[in-house]
């Protein structure tokens, strides 16, 4: 179990680093279709398109790993 947690943690770390570097070139979280509602001091954010893109990319990567 400990080995699995370390591997998952390393994967999350790598994804976070890629997200930081790629965020300068690809505006994830600020794509058209991501909804931002501001009302006074309340802000609600729905990154729908960003979630769809991340889901597609992860699905492709996992399908390649399985083969």
N, C-alpha and C. Protein backbone atom coordinates (compact mmCIF):
# COMPACT_ATOMS: atom_id res chain seq x y z
N UNK A 1 0.83 -1.20 0.00
CA UNK A 1 0.00 0.00 0.00
C UNK A 1 0.87 1.26 0.00
N UNK A 2 1.97 1.24 0.76
CA UNK A 2 2.84 2.39 0.82
C UNK A 2 3.47 2.71 -0.52
N UNK A 3 3.86 1.66 -1.24
CA UNK A 3 4.48 1.86 -2.55
C UNK A 3 3.48 2.48 -3.53
N UNK A 4 2.24 2.03 -3.47
CA UNK A 4 1.20 2.57 -4.34
C UNK A 4 0.96 4.05 -4.04
N UNK A 5 0.92 4.42 -2.76
CA UNK A 5 0.71 5.81 -2.39
C UNK A 5 1.87 6.69 -2.86
N UNK A 6 3.07 6.18 -2.79
CA UNK A 6 4.23 6.95 -3.26
C UNK A 6 4.17 7.14 -4.77
N UNK A 7 3.75 6.13 -5.50
CA UNK A 7 3.64 6.24 -6.96
C UNK A 7 2.54 7.23 -7.33
N UNK A 8 1.40 7.14 -6.67
CA UNK A 8 0.30 8.07 -6.94
C UNK A 8 0.74 9.50 -6.61
N UNK A 9 1.44 9.69 -5.50
CA UNK A 9 1.94 11.01 -5.13
C UNK A 9 2.90 11.56 -6.16
N UNK A 10 3.80 10.70 -6.67
CA UNK A 10 4.74 11.13 -7.69
C UNK A 10 4.02 11.53 -8.98
N UNK A 11 3.00 10.77 -9.33
CA UNK A 11 2.22 11.09 -10.53
C UNK A 11 1.52 12.43 -10.37
N UNK A 12 0.94 12.66 -9.20
CA UNK A 12 0.27 13.94 -8.94
C UNK A 12 1.27 15.09 -8.98
N UNK A 13 2.47 14.87 -8.46
CA UNK A 13 3.51 15.89 -8.50
C UNK A 13 3.88 16.23 -9.94
N UNK A 14 4.06 15.21 -10.77
CA UNK A 14 4.43 15.43 -12.17
C UNK A 14 3.31 16.15 -12.90
N UNK A 15 2.07 15.78 -12.65
CA UNK A 15 0.93 16.45 -13.29
C UNK A 15 0.88 17.92 -12.86
N UNK A 16 1.13 18.19 -11.59
CA UNK A 16 1.16 19.57 -11.11
C UNK A 16 2.24 20.40 -11.76
N UNK A 17 3.42 19.81 -11.93
CA UNK A 17 4.51 20.53 -12.60
C UNK A 17 4.18 20.80 -14.06
N UNK A 18 3.63 19.80 -14.73
CA UNK A 18 3.24 19.99 -16.13
C UNK A 18 2.16 21.06 -16.24
N UNK A 19 1.23 21.05 -15.29
CA UNK A 19 0.13 22.03 -15.29
C UNK A 19 0.70 23.44 -15.15
N UNK A 20 1.70 23.63 -14.28
CA UNK A 20 2.32 24.94 -14.10
C UNK A 20 3.02 25.40 -15.36
N UNK A 21 3.80 24.52 -15.97
CA UNK A 21 4.56 24.89 -17.17
C UNK A 21 3.62 25.09 -18.36
N UNK A 22 2.68 24.18 -18.55
CA UNK A 22 1.76 24.26 -19.69
C UNK A 22 0.77 25.41 -19.52
N UNK A 23 0.53 25.83 -18.28
CA UNK A 23 -0.41 26.92 -18.04
C UNK A 23 0.03 28.23 -18.65
N UNK A 24 1.30 28.36 -18.92
CA UNK A 24 1.80 29.57 -19.55
C UNK A 24 1.48 29.58 -21.05
N UNK A 25 1.33 28.41 -21.64
CA UNK A 25 1.10 28.31 -23.07
C UNK A 25 -0.35 27.96 -23.40
N UNK A 26 -0.97 27.12 -22.57
CA UNK A 26 -2.36 26.71 -22.77
C UNK A 26 -3.16 27.26 -21.59
N UNK A 27 -4.14 28.11 -21.85
CA UNK A 27 -4.85 28.77 -20.75
C UNK A 27 -5.91 27.87 -20.09
N UNK A 28 -5.48 26.73 -19.53
CA UNK A 28 -6.44 25.86 -18.86
C UNK A 28 -7.07 26.61 -17.69
N UNK A 29 -8.38 26.52 -17.60
CA UNK A 29 -9.10 27.23 -16.56
C UNK A 29 -9.62 28.58 -17.02
N UNK A 30 -9.21 29.01 -18.19
CA UNK A 30 -9.68 30.28 -18.75
C UNK A 30 -10.12 30.10 -20.19
N UNK A 31 -10.63 28.92 -20.50
CA UNK A 31 -11.06 28.62 -21.87
C UNK A 31 -12.47 29.13 -22.11
N UNK A 32 -12.82 29.38 -23.37
CA UNK A 32 -14.21 29.73 -23.68
C UNK A 32 -15.11 28.56 -23.28
N UNK A 33 -16.16 28.83 -22.60
CA UNK A 33 -17.05 27.78 -22.12
C UNK A 33 -16.88 27.52 -20.63
N UNK A 34 -15.84 28.06 -20.01
CA UNK A 34 -15.68 28.01 -18.56
C UNK A 34 -16.48 29.18 -17.99
N UNK A 35 -17.42 28.88 -17.13
CA UNK A 35 -18.33 29.89 -16.63
C UNK A 35 -17.82 30.52 -15.34
N UNK A 36 -17.92 31.83 -15.26
CA UNK A 36 -17.52 32.58 -14.08
C UNK A 36 -18.65 33.55 -13.74
N UNK A 37 -19.23 33.38 -12.56
CA UNK A 37 -20.31 34.25 -12.11
C UNK A 37 -19.83 35.05 -10.91
N UNK A 38 -19.92 36.37 -11.01
CA UNK A 38 -19.54 37.24 -9.90
C UNK A 38 -20.76 38.04 -9.47
N UNK A 39 -20.99 38.04 -8.16
CA UNK A 39 -22.13 38.78 -7.62
C UNK A 39 -21.68 39.37 -6.28
N UNK A 40 -21.32 40.62 -6.29
CA UNK A 40 -20.85 41.25 -5.07
C UNK A 40 -19.55 40.63 -4.61
N UNK A 41 -19.56 40.07 -3.40
CA UNK A 41 -18.35 39.44 -2.88
C UNK A 41 -18.34 37.92 -3.05
N UNK A 42 -19.25 37.40 -3.89
CA UNK A 42 -19.35 35.96 -4.13
C UNK A 42 -18.95 35.66 -5.58
N UNK A 43 -18.10 34.66 -5.74
CA UNK A 43 -17.68 34.24 -7.08
C UNK A 43 -17.90 32.74 -7.21
N UNK A 44 -18.56 32.34 -8.28
CA UNK A 44 -18.78 30.92 -8.57
C UNK A 44 -18.14 30.62 -9.93
N UNK A 45 -17.33 29.57 -9.96
CA UNK A 45 -16.57 29.25 -11.16
C UNK A 45 -16.84 27.80 -11.56
N UNK A 46 -17.22 27.58 -12.82
CA UNK A 46 -17.47 26.24 -13.36
C UNK A 46 -16.56 26.03 -14.57
N UNK A 47 -15.44 25.30 -14.41
CA UNK A 47 -14.53 25.07 -15.54
C UNK A 47 -14.96 23.87 -16.37
N UNK A 48 -16.11 23.97 -17.03
CA UNK A 48 -16.69 22.84 -17.74
C UNK A 48 -15.81 22.38 -18.91
N UNK A 49 -15.40 23.30 -19.77
CA UNK A 49 -14.61 22.94 -20.95
C UNK A 49 -13.24 22.41 -20.53
N UNK A 50 -12.64 23.01 -19.52
CA UNK A 50 -11.35 22.54 -19.04
C UNK A 50 -11.47 21.10 -18.55
N UNK A 51 -12.52 20.79 -17.82
CA UNK A 51 -12.72 19.42 -17.31
C UNK A 51 -12.92 18.44 -18.46
N UNK A 52 -13.63 18.84 -19.49
CA UNK A 52 -13.86 17.96 -20.64
C UNK A 52 -12.53 17.67 -21.35
N UNK A 53 -11.72 18.70 -21.55
CA UNK A 53 -10.43 18.50 -22.22
C UNK A 53 -9.52 17.61 -21.40
N UNK A 54 -9.45 17.84 -20.10
CA UNK A 54 -8.61 17.00 -19.23
C UNK A 54 -9.10 15.56 -19.25
N UNK A 55 -10.41 15.36 -19.25
CA UNK A 55 -10.98 14.02 -19.30
C UNK A 55 -10.61 13.30 -20.59
N UNK A 56 -10.68 14.00 -21.71
CA UNK A 56 -10.33 13.39 -23.00
C UNK A 56 -8.86 13.01 -23.04
N UNK A 57 -8.00 13.92 -22.59
CA UNK A 57 -6.56 13.65 -22.61
C UNK A 57 -6.22 12.47 -21.70
N UNK A 58 -6.77 12.45 -20.50
CA UNK A 58 -6.49 11.33 -19.58
C UNK A 58 -7.03 10.01 -20.12
N UNK A 59 -8.19 10.05 -20.77
CA UNK A 59 -8.75 8.83 -21.37
C UNK A 59 -7.84 8.29 -22.46
N UNK A 60 -7.31 9.20 -23.29
CA UNK A 60 -6.40 8.76 -24.35
C UNK A 60 -5.11 8.18 -23.77
N UNK A 61 -4.56 8.84 -22.76
CA UNK A 61 -3.33 8.34 -22.14
C UNK A 61 -3.53 6.98 -21.50
N UNK A 62 -4.64 6.82 -20.77
CA UNK A 62 -4.90 5.54 -20.11
C UNK A 62 -5.19 4.43 -21.12
N UNK A 63 -5.85 4.76 -22.23
CA UNK A 63 -6.09 3.72 -23.24
C UNK A 63 -4.78 3.29 -23.91
N UNK A 64 -3.84 4.22 -24.08
CA UNK A 64 -2.54 3.87 -24.63
C UNK A 64 -1.73 3.02 -23.66
N UNK A 65 -1.83 3.32 -22.38
CA UNK A 65 -1.11 2.55 -21.36
C UNK A 65 -1.64 1.11 -21.28
N UNK A 66 -2.94 0.96 -21.42
CA UNK A 66 -3.55 -0.38 -21.33
C UNK A 66 -3.12 -1.30 -22.47
N UNK A 67 -2.81 -0.73 -23.63
CA UNK A 67 -2.46 -1.56 -24.79
C UNK A 67 -1.05 -1.93 -24.71
